C-alpha atoms as a PDB file:
ATOM      1  CA  MET A   1     -81.490  50.295  15.409  1.00  0.00           C
ATOM      2  CA  LYS A   2     -80.268  51.769  12.114  1.00  0.00           C
ATOM      3  CA  ARG A   3     -76.761  52.188  13.522  1.00  0.00           C
ATOM      4  CA  ALA A   4     -76.756  48.616  14.821  1.00  0.00           C
ATOM      5  CA  LEU A   5     -77.870  47.288  11.432  1.00  0.00           C
ATOM      6  CA  ALA A   6     -75.161  49.323   9.711  1.00  0.00           C
ATOM      7  CA  LEU A   7     -72.500  47.909  12.058  1.00  0.00           C
ATOM      8  CA  TYR A   8     -73.843  44.403  11.491  1.00  0.00           C
ATOM      9  CA  ALA A   9     -73.679  44.867   7.709  1.00  0.00           C
ATOM     10  CA  VAL A  10     -70.092  46.182   7.921  1.00  0.00           C
ATOM     11  CA  ALA A  11     -69.074  43.239  10.111  1.00  0.00           C
ATOM     12  CA  ALA A  12     -70.702  40.745   7.750  1.00  0.00           C
ATOM     13  CA  TYR A  13     -69.015  42.213   4.686  1.00  0.00           C
ATOM     14  CA  ALA A  14     -65.675  42.348   6.506  1.00  0.00           C
ATOM     15  CA  PHE A  15     -66.018  38.695   7.476  1.00  0.00           C
ATOM     16  CA  LEU A  16     -66.756  37.747   3.872  1.00  0.00           C
ATOM     17  CA  HIS A  17     -64.289  39.958   2.009  1.00  0.00           C
ATOM     18  CA  LEU A  18     -61.437  40.788   4.379  1.00  0.00           C
ATOM     19  CA  PRO A  19     -59.654  37.438   3.725  1.00  0.00           C
ATOM     20  CA  LEU A  20     -59.859  38.139  -0.016  1.00  0.00           C
ATOM     21  CA  LEU A  21     -58.354  41.603   0.484  1.00  0.00           C
ATOM     22  CA  VAL A  22     -55.502  40.129   2.538  1.00  0.00           C
ATOM     23  CA  LEU A  23     -54.945  37.531  -0.180  1.00  0.00           C
ATOM     24  CA  ALA A  24     -54.827  40.221  -2.861  1.00  0.00           C
ATOM     25  CA  ALA A  25     -52.439  42.397  -0.821  1.00  0.00           C
ATOM     26  CA  PHE A  26     -49.938  39.593  -0.261  1.00  0.00           C
ATOM     27  CA  SER A  27     -50.052  38.627  -3.927  1.00  0.00           C
ATOM     28  CA  PHE A  28     -47.987  41.797  -4.476  1.00  0.00           C
ATOM     29  CA  ASN A  29     -45.565  40.985  -1.660  1.00  0.00           C
ATOM     30  CA  ARG A  30     -41.944  40.336  -2.623  1.00  0.00           C
ATOM     31  CA  SER A  31     -41.507  37.816   0.180  1.00  0.00           C
ATOM     32  CA  ARG A  32     -42.587  34.193   0.012  1.00  0.00           C
ATOM     33  CA  PHE A  33     -43.798  34.400   3.597  1.00  0.00           C
ATOM     34  CA  MET A  34     -46.488  36.367   5.460  1.00  0.00           C
ATOM     35  CA  ARG A  35     -44.129  39.265   6.041  1.00  0.00           C
ATOM     36  CA  TRP A  36     -44.296  42.388   3.911  1.00  0.00           C
ATOM     37  CA  GLU A  37     -40.982  43.126   2.198  1.00  0.00           C
ATOM     38  CA  GLY A  38     -42.057  45.407  -0.629  1.00  0.00           C
ATOM     39  CA  PHE A  39     -44.208  45.660  -3.735  1.00  0.00           C
ATOM     40  CA  SER A  40     -43.525  43.190  -6.537  1.00  0.00           C
ATOM     41  CA  LEU A  41     -45.238  41.592  -9.545  1.00  0.00           C
ATOM     42  CA  GLU A  42     -42.948  38.568  -9.351  1.00  0.00           C
ATOM     43  CA  TRP A  43     -45.681  36.116  -8.403  1.00  0.00           C
ATOM     44  CA  TYR A  44     -47.964  37.206 -11.233  1.00  0.00           C
ATOM     45  CA  GLN A  45     -45.124  36.620 -13.689  1.00  0.00           C
ATOM     46  CA  ALA A  46     -44.503  33.215 -12.093  1.00  0.00           C
ATOM     47  CA  ALA A  47     -48.197  32.343 -12.407  1.00  0.00           C
ATOM     48  CA  PHE A  48     -48.296  33.164 -16.129  1.00  0.00           C
ATOM     49  CA  SER A  49     -45.106  31.167 -16.711  1.00  0.00           C
ATOM     50  CA  ASN A  50     -46.403  28.089 -14.860  1.00  0.00           C
ATOM     51  CA  PRO A  51     -47.356  25.515 -17.524  1.00  0.00           C
ATOM     52  CA  GLN A  52     -49.713  23.606 -15.195  1.00  0.00           C
ATOM     53  CA  LEU A  53     -51.708  26.732 -14.340  1.00  0.00           C
ATOM     54  CA  MET A  54     -51.816  27.947 -17.945  1.00  0.00           C
ATOM     55  CA  GLU A  55     -52.998  24.572 -19.239  1.00  0.00           C
ATOM     56  CA  GLY A  56     -55.644  24.450 -16.515  1.00  0.00           C
ATOM     57  CA  ALA A  57     -56.751  27.992 -17.351  1.00  0.00           C
ATOM     58  CA  SER A  58     -57.093  27.201 -21.071  1.00  0.00           C
ATOM     59  CA  ASN A  59     -59.079  24.054 -20.272  1.00  0.00           C
ATOM     60  CA  SER A  60     -61.338  25.967 -17.871  1.00  0.00           C
ATOM     61  CA  LEU A  61     -61.998  28.716 -20.415  1.00  0.00           C
ATOM     62  CA  LEU A  62     -62.795  26.198 -23.163  1.00  0.00           C
ATOM     63  CA  ILE A  63     -65.059  24.100 -20.942  1.00  0.00           C
ATOM     64  CA  ALA A  64     -66.843  27.140 -19.516  1.00  0.00           C
ATOM     65  CA  ALA A  65     -67.382  28.667 -22.975  1.00  0.00           C
ATOM     66  CA  ILE A  66     -68.883  25.502 -24.481  1.00  0.00           C
ATOM     67  CA  ALA A  67     -70.936  24.735 -21.365  1.00  0.00           C
ATOM     68  CA  THR A  68     -72.255  28.310 -21.308  1.00  0.00           C
ATOM     69  CA  ILE A  69     -73.406  28.191 -24.937  1.00  0.00           C
ATOM     70  CA  LEU A  70     -75.130  24.828 -24.551  1.00  0.00           C
ATOM     71  CA  SER A  71     -76.680  25.480 -21.132  1.00  0.00           C
ATOM     72  CA  THR A  72     -77.944  28.914 -22.205  1.00  0.00           C
ATOM     73  CA  ALA A  73     -79.606  27.530 -25.330  1.00  0.00           C
ATOM     74  CA  ILE A  74     -81.210  24.657 -23.420  1.00  0.00           C
ATOM     75  CA  GLY A  75     -82.070  26.793 -20.394  1.00  0.00           C
ATOM     76  CA  VAL A  76     -83.824  29.520 -22.386  1.00  0.00           C
ATOM     77  CA  LEU A  77     -86.053  26.969 -24.112  1.00  0.00           C
ATOM     78  CA  GLY A  78     -86.658  25.156 -20.832  1.00  0.00           C
ATOM     79  CA  ALA A  79     -87.637  28.352 -19.028  1.00  0.00           C
ATOM     80  CA  TYR A  80     -89.969  29.311 -21.864  1.00  0.00           C
ATOM     81  CA  GLY A  81     -91.616  25.899 -21.710  1.00  0.00           C
ATOM     82  CA  LEU A  82     -92.094  26.141 -17.943  1.00  0.00           C
ATOM     83  CA  TRP A  83     -93.537  29.638 -18.311  1.00  0.00           C
ATOM     84  CA  ARG A  84     -96.011  28.533 -20.961  1.00  0.00           C
ATOM     85  CA  ARG A  85     -97.030  25.414 -19.046  1.00  0.00           C
ATOM     86  CA  ARG A  86     -97.263  27.269 -15.704  1.00  0.00           C
ATOM     87  CA  SER A  87     -96.664  24.119 -13.672  1.00  0.00           C
ATOM     88  CA  ARG A  88     -95.755  24.882 -10.069  1.00  0.00           C
ATOM     89  CA  PHE A  89     -94.515  21.331  -9.529  1.00  0.00           C
ATOM     90  CA  LEU A  90     -92.053  21.468 -12.422  1.00  0.00           C
ATOM     91  CA  SER A  91     -90.880  24.936 -11.449  1.00  0.00           C
ATOM     92  CA  ALA A  92     -90.343  23.890  -7.835  1.00  0.00           C
ATOM     93  CA  SER A  93     -88.513  20.686  -8.840  1.00  0.00           C
ATOM     94  CA  LEU A  94     -86.038  22.855 -10.738  1.00  0.00           C
ATOM     95  CA  TYR A  95     -84.493  23.954  -7.433  1.00  0.00           C
ATOM     96  CA  LEU A  96     -83.670  20.354  -6.509  1.00  0.00           C
ATOM     97  CA  SER A  97     -80.491  20.475  -8.585  1.00  0.00           C
ATOM     98  CA  LEU A  98     -79.491  23.726  -6.900  1.00  0.00           C
ATOM     99  CA  LEU A  99     -80.027  22.308  -3.412  1.00  0.00           C
ATOM    100  CA  THR A 100     -78.363  18.948  -4.045  1.00  0.00           C
ATOM    101  CA  PRO A 101     -74.804  18.864  -2.586  1.00  0.00           C
ATOM    102  CA  GLU A 102     -72.113  18.958  -5.236  1.00  0.00           C
ATOM    103  CA  ILE A 103     -70.550  15.735  -4.002  1.00  0.00           C
ATOM    104  CA  VAL A 104     -73.863  13.937  -4.564  1.00  0.00           C
ATOM    105  CA  THR A 105     -74.205  15.435  -8.038  1.00  0.00           C
ATOM    106  CA  GLY A 106     -70.630  14.484  -8.860  1.00  0.00           C
ATOM    107  CA  VAL A 107     -71.051  10.882  -7.712  1.00  0.00           C
ATOM    108  CA  SER A 108     -74.326  10.480  -9.606  1.00  0.00           C
ATOM    109  CA  LEU A 109     -72.804  11.858 -12.815  1.00  0.00           C
ATOM    110  CA  LEU A 110     -69.743   9.642 -12.432  1.00  0.00           C
ATOM    111  CA  VAL A 111     -71.899   6.530 -11.974  1.00  0.00           C
ATOM    112  CA  PHE A 112     -74.047   7.534 -14.950  1.00  0.00           C
ATOM    113  CA  PHE A 113     -71.033   8.109 -17.206  1.00  0.00           C
ATOM    114  CA  GLN A 114     -69.431   4.830 -16.170  1.00  0.00           C
ATOM    115  CA  TRP A 115     -72.658   2.978 -16.890  1.00  0.00           C
ATOM    116  CA  ILE A 116     -73.058   4.585 -20.308  1.00  0.00           C
ATOM    117  CA  PHE A 117     -69.396   4.384 -21.308  1.00  0.00           C
ATOM    118  CA  ARG A 118     -69.107   0.716 -20.327  1.00  0.00           C
ATOM    119  CA  VAL A 119     -71.373   0.019 -23.268  1.00  0.00           C
ATOM    120  CA  LEU A 120     -69.846   2.589 -25.634  1.00  0.00           C
ATOM    121  CA  ASP A 121     -66.221   1.926 -24.552  1.00  0.00           C
ATOM    122  CA  ILE A 122     -65.488   5.636 -23.977  1.00  0.00           C
ATOM    123  CA  ARG A 123     -63.385   7.007 -21.134  1.00  0.00           C
ATOM    124  CA  LEU A 124     -63.626  10.116 -18.971  1.00  0.00           C
ATOM    125  CA  GLY A 125     -62.224  13.269 -20.513  1.00  0.00           C
ATOM    126  CA  MET A 126     -63.027  16.789 -21.609  1.00  0.00           C
ATOM    127  CA  HIS A 127     -66.374  15.686 -23.024  1.00  0.00           C
ATOM    128  CA  THR A 128     -67.593  14.353 -19.671  1.00  0.00           C
ATOM    129  CA  VAL A 129     -66.572  17.558 -17.906  1.00  0.00           C
ATOM    130  CA  ILE A 130     -68.487  19.640 -20.458  1.00  0.00           C
ATOM    131  CA  LEU A 131     -71.592  17.460 -20.131  1.00  0.00           C
ATOM    132  CA  ALA A 132     -71.419  17.679 -16.331  1.00  0.00           C
ATOM    133  CA  HIS A 133     -71.071  21.474 -16.430  1.00  0.00           C
ATOM    134  CA  VAL A 134     -73.997  21.755 -18.811  1.00  0.00           C
ATOM    135  CA  ALA A 135     -76.058  19.591 -16.466  1.00  0.00           C
ATOM    136  CA  PHE A 136     -75.620  21.799 -13.401  1.00  0.00           C
ATOM    137  CA  SER A 137     -75.507  25.137 -15.275  1.00  0.00           C
ATOM    138  CA  ILE A 138     -78.918  24.694 -16.906  1.00  0.00           C
ATOM    139  CA  ALA A 139     -80.715  25.225 -13.591  1.00  0.00           C
ATOM    140  CA  TYR A 140     -79.030  28.615 -13.069  1.00  0.00           C
ATOM    141  CA  VAL A 141     -79.994  29.723 -16.568  1.00  0.00           C
ATOM    142  CA  VAL A 142     -83.603  28.602 -16.163  1.00  0.00           C
ATOM    143  CA  VAL A 143     -83.975  30.410 -12.829  1.00  0.00           C
ATOM    144  CA  VAL A 144     -82.765  33.722 -14.284  1.00  0.00           C
ATOM    145  CA  ILE A 145     -84.788  33.467 -17.506  1.00  0.00           C
ATOM    146  CA  LEU A 146     -87.927  32.284 -15.725  1.00  0.00           C
ATOM    147  CA  ALA A 147     -87.752  35.222 -13.310  1.00  0.00           C
ATOM    148  CA  ARG A 148     -87.692  37.607 -16.290  1.00  0.00           C
ATOM    149  CA  LEU A 149     -90.547  35.817 -18.057  1.00  0.00           C
ATOM    150  CA  GLN A 150     -92.735  36.009 -14.961  1.00  0.00           C
ATOM    151  CA  THR A 151     -92.461  39.809 -15.012  1.00  0.00           C
ATOM    152  CA  MET A 152     -93.214  40.050 -18.734  1.00  0.00           C
ATOM    153  CA  ASP A 153     -96.645  40.991 -20.040  1.00  0.00           C
ATOM    154  CA  ALA A 154     -98.089  37.755 -21.466  1.00  0.00           C
ATOM    155  CA  THR A 155    -100.383  39.737 -23.776  1.00  0.00           C
ATOM    156  CA  LEU A 156     -97.369  40.520 -25.980  1.00  0.00           C
ATOM    157  CA  LEU A 157     -97.187  36.872 -27.000  1.00  0.00           C
ATOM    158  CA  GLU A 158    -100.954  36.630 -27.425  1.00  0.00           C
ATOM    159  CA  ALA A 159    -100.970  39.740 -29.612  1.00  0.00           C
ATOM    160  CA  ALA A 160     -98.234  38.328 -31.837  1.00  0.00           C
ATOM    161  CA  LEU A 161    -100.152  35.074 -32.269  1.00  0.00           C
ATOM    162  CA  ASP A 162    -103.403  36.942 -33.000  1.00  0.00           C
ATOM    163  CA  LEU A 163    -101.613  38.961 -35.693  1.00  0.00           C
ATOM    164  CA  GLY A 164    -100.692  35.780 -37.542  1.00  0.00           C
ATOM    165  CA  ALA A 165     -97.251  34.946 -36.238  1.00  0.00           C
ATOM    166  CA  SER A 166     -96.428  31.283 -35.721  1.00  0.00           C
ATOM    167  CA  PRO A 167     -95.332  30.162 -32.229  1.00  0.00           C
ATOM    168  CA  SER A 168     -91.706  29.985 -33.379  1.00  0.00           C
ATOM    169  CA  GLU A 169     -91.873  33.438 -34.997  1.00  0.00           C
ATOM    170  CA  ALA A 170     -93.490  34.911 -31.875  1.00  0.00           C
ATOM    171  CA  PHE A 171     -90.757  33.416 -29.730  1.00  0.00           C
ATOM    172  CA  ARG A 172     -87.977  34.651 -32.016  1.00  0.00           C
ATOM    173  CA  ARG A 173     -89.318  38.151 -32.724  1.00  0.00           C
ATOM    174  CA  VAL A 174     -91.159  39.008 -29.491  1.00  0.00           C
ATOM    175  CA  ILE A 175     -89.913  36.911 -26.585  1.00  0.00           C
ATOM    176  CA  LEU A 176     -86.177  36.790 -27.334  1.00  0.00           C
ATOM    177  CA  PRO A 177     -85.742  40.595 -27.690  1.00  0.00           C
ATOM    178  CA  VAL A 178     -87.455  41.070 -24.327  1.00  0.00           C
ATOM    179  CA  LEU A 179     -85.243  38.377 -22.776  1.00  0.00           C
ATOM    180  CA  GLY A 180     -82.016  39.855 -24.164  1.00  0.00           C
ATOM    181  CA  PRO A 181     -80.588  41.274 -20.897  1.00  0.00           C
ATOM    182  CA  ALA A 182     -81.711  38.203 -18.929  1.00  0.00           C
ATOM    183  CA  VAL A 183     -80.070  35.863 -21.441  1.00  0.00           C
ATOM    184  CA  ALA A 184     -76.816  37.815 -21.161  1.00  0.00           C
ATOM    185  CA  ALA A 185     -77.020  37.728 -17.353  1.00  0.00           C
ATOM    186  CA  ALA A 186     -77.747  33.996 -17.345  1.00  0.00           C
ATOM    187  CA  SER A 187     -74.824  33.357 -19.688  1.00  0.00           C
ATOM    188  CA  LEU A 188     -72.403  35.244 -17.438  1.00  0.00           C
ATOM    189  CA  LEU A 189     -73.703  33.387 -14.398  1.00  0.00           C
ATOM    190  CA  ALA A 190     -73.368  30.016 -16.134  1.00  0.00           C
ATOM    191  CA  PHE A 191     -69.823  30.855 -17.212  1.00  0.00           C
ATOM    192  CA  THR A 192     -68.918  31.835 -13.649  1.00  0.00           C
ATOM    193  CA  VAL A 193     -70.253  28.695 -11.968  1.00  0.00           C
ATOM    194  CA  SER A 194     -68.680  26.517 -14.665  1.00  0.00           C
ATOM    195  CA  PHE A 195     -65.263  28.158 -14.503  1.00  0.00           C
ATOM    196  CA  ASP A 196     -64.814  27.901 -10.736  1.00  0.00           C
ATOM    197  CA  ASP A 197     -66.323  24.440 -10.137  1.00  0.00           C
ATOM    198  CA  TYR A 198     -63.997  21.933  -8.498  1.00  0.00           C
ATOM    199  CA  VAL A 199     -65.933  19.147  -6.740  1.00  0.00           C
ATOM    200  CA  ILE A 200     -67.992  17.873  -9.670  1.00  0.00           C
ATOM    201  CA  THR A 201     -65.184  18.483 -12.165  1.00  0.00           C
ATOM    202  CA  SER A 202     -62.638  16.499 -10.153  1.00  0.00           C
ATOM    203  CA  MET A 203     -64.935  13.468 -10.189  1.00  0.00           C
ATOM    204  CA  VAL A 204     -65.731  13.364 -13.910  1.00  0.00           C
ATOM    205  CA  ALA A 205     -62.450  14.664 -15.379  1.00  0.00           C
ATOM    206  CA  GLY A 206     -59.940  12.509 -17.228  1.00  0.00           C
ATOM    207  CA  VAL A 207     -56.168  12.723 -17.298  1.00  0.00           C
ATOM    208  CA  ASP A 208     -56.210  15.299 -20.110  1.00  0.00           C
ATOM    209  CA  SER A 209     -58.904  17.600 -18.704  1.00  0.00           C
ATOM    210  CA  GLU A 210     -57.415  19.221 -15.593  1.00  0.00           C
ATOM    211  CA  THR A 211     -59.069  22.590 -14.977  1.00  0.00           C
ATOM    212  CA  LEU A 212     -57.675  25.647 -13.213  1.00  0.00           C
ATOM    213  CA  PRO A 213     -59.319  24.922  -9.816  1.00  0.00           C
ATOM    214  CA  MET A 214     -57.910  21.388  -9.979  1.00  0.00           C
ATOM    215  CA  ALA A 215     -54.428  22.731 -10.806  1.00  0.00           C
ATOM    216  CA  ILE A 216     -54.626  25.205  -7.919  1.00  0.00           C
ATOM    217  CA  TYR A 217     -55.611  22.450  -5.506  1.00  0.00           C
ATOM    218  CA  ALA A 218     -52.776  20.213  -6.746  1.00  0.00           C
ATOM    219  CA  ILE A 219     -50.234  22.992  -6.132  1.00  0.00           C
ATOM    220  CA  ALA A 220     -51.750  23.858  -2.735  1.00  0.00           C
ATOM    221  CA  ARG A 221     -51.384  20.244  -1.580  1.00  0.00           C
ATOM    222  CA  ARG A 222     -47.613  20.553  -2.026  1.00  0.00           C
ATOM    223  CA  GLY A 223     -47.518  23.575   0.277  1.00  0.00           C
ATOM    224  CA  SER A 224     -48.431  27.247   0.375  1.00  0.00           C
ATOM    225  CA  SER A 225     -47.119  29.269  -2.564  1.00  0.00           C
ATOM    226  CA  PRO A 226     -47.381  33.018  -3.311  1.00  0.00           C
ATOM    227  CA  VAL A 227     -48.196  32.042  -6.897  1.00  0.00           C
ATOM    228  CA  LEU A 228     -51.551  30.834  -5.616  1.00  0.00           C
ATOM    229  CA  ASN A 229     -52.172  34.276  -4.111  1.00  0.00           C
ATOM    230  CA  ALA A 230     -51.641  35.859  -7.532  1.00  0.00           C
ATOM    231  CA  ILE A 231     -53.749  33.445  -9.564  1.00  0.00           C
ATOM    232  CA  SER A 232     -56.504  33.456  -6.914  1.00  0.00           C
ATOM    233  CA  THR A 233     -56.610  37.255  -6.975  1.00  0.00           C
ATOM    234  CA  LEU A 234     -57.028  37.214 -10.759  1.00  0.00           C
ATOM    235  CA  ILE A 235     -59.829  34.658 -10.490  1.00  0.00           C
ATOM    236  CA  VAL A 236     -61.669  36.611  -7.785  1.00  0.00           C
ATOM    237  CA  ALA A 237     -61.360  39.868  -9.728  1.00  0.00           C
ATOM    238  CA  GLY A 238     -62.464  38.324 -13.020  1.00  0.00           C
ATOM    239  CA  LEU A 239     -65.389  36.322 -11.666  1.00  0.00           C
ATOM    240  CA  GLY A 240     -66.402  39.215  -9.407  1.00  0.00           C
ATOM    241  CA  PHE A 241     -66.631  41.467 -12.455  1.00  0.00           C
ATOM    242  CA  LEU A 242     -68.733  38.883 -14.318  1.00  0.00           C
ATOM    243  CA  THR A 243     -71.041  38.476 -11.312  1.00  0.00           C
ATOM    244  CA  LEU A 244     -71.600  42.229 -10.992  1.00  0.00           C
ATOM    245  CA  ALA A 245     -72.210  42.517 -14.732  1.00  0.00           C
ATOM    246  CA  SER A 246     -74.682  39.631 -14.567  1.00  0.00           C
ATOM    247  CA  GLU A 247     -76.598  41.252 -11.717  1.00  0.00           C
ATOM    248  CA  ARG A 248     -76.696  44.587 -13.532  1.00  0.00           C
ATOM    249  CA  LEU A 249     -78.041  42.963 -16.697  1.00  0.00           C
ATOM    250  CA  ARG A 250     -80.584  40.914 -14.735  1.00  0.00           C
ATOM    251  CA  ARG A 251     -82.148  44.075 -13.307  1.00  0.00           C
ATOM    252  CA  ARG A 252     -82.508  45.829 -16.661  1.00  0.00           C
END
């Protein structure tokens, strides 16, 4: 049984990661086709010299950074409020945004923005993308922070209040230091999901807010290109590192 489980695990990981390894290997291939002709960094140089990809990357980094800061601040306070209230209904309803298909979330946000901006006479752009990313990133932050709060000794907060600290002082001096690793993990997770989102972003973005996933899809529609292998390898490596770092911090 142990050997069968080990073989099953190897097969599952191979199914998940073997295509990524093939993609990474051919990103160093000199040939434009699926035929190995020698090691080369040509496609990485082409990716960094592509203005569409570089503009998309800068937009993605800016959007992800702002969305991470806002969603982390809101999510930490939201998780603390849920923990203090101890409402199972509110905690369970939090997962609704995680289970809702992205296309449904994107359509609902687009309709909401169009309804609001019809009155304010504002068009889609970078601001709508940031607001949309904050909206779906908050749930990830709350889940991580709430999991850490549920393992924390609640008597620490009660002791701080008994010793004369105000609720805000107790939160700032007692709760936040305990939540430090979880806040860092939640921030990395929020940055990751914001940076690589395509479906929701494509529906609420304006003409001046094309992100890196949108640029990659636009290039892929014109045909397969080894440049996509290079930029995709960089994305997988970077986001993979952030995901592993987030998981390590979450367990501290």
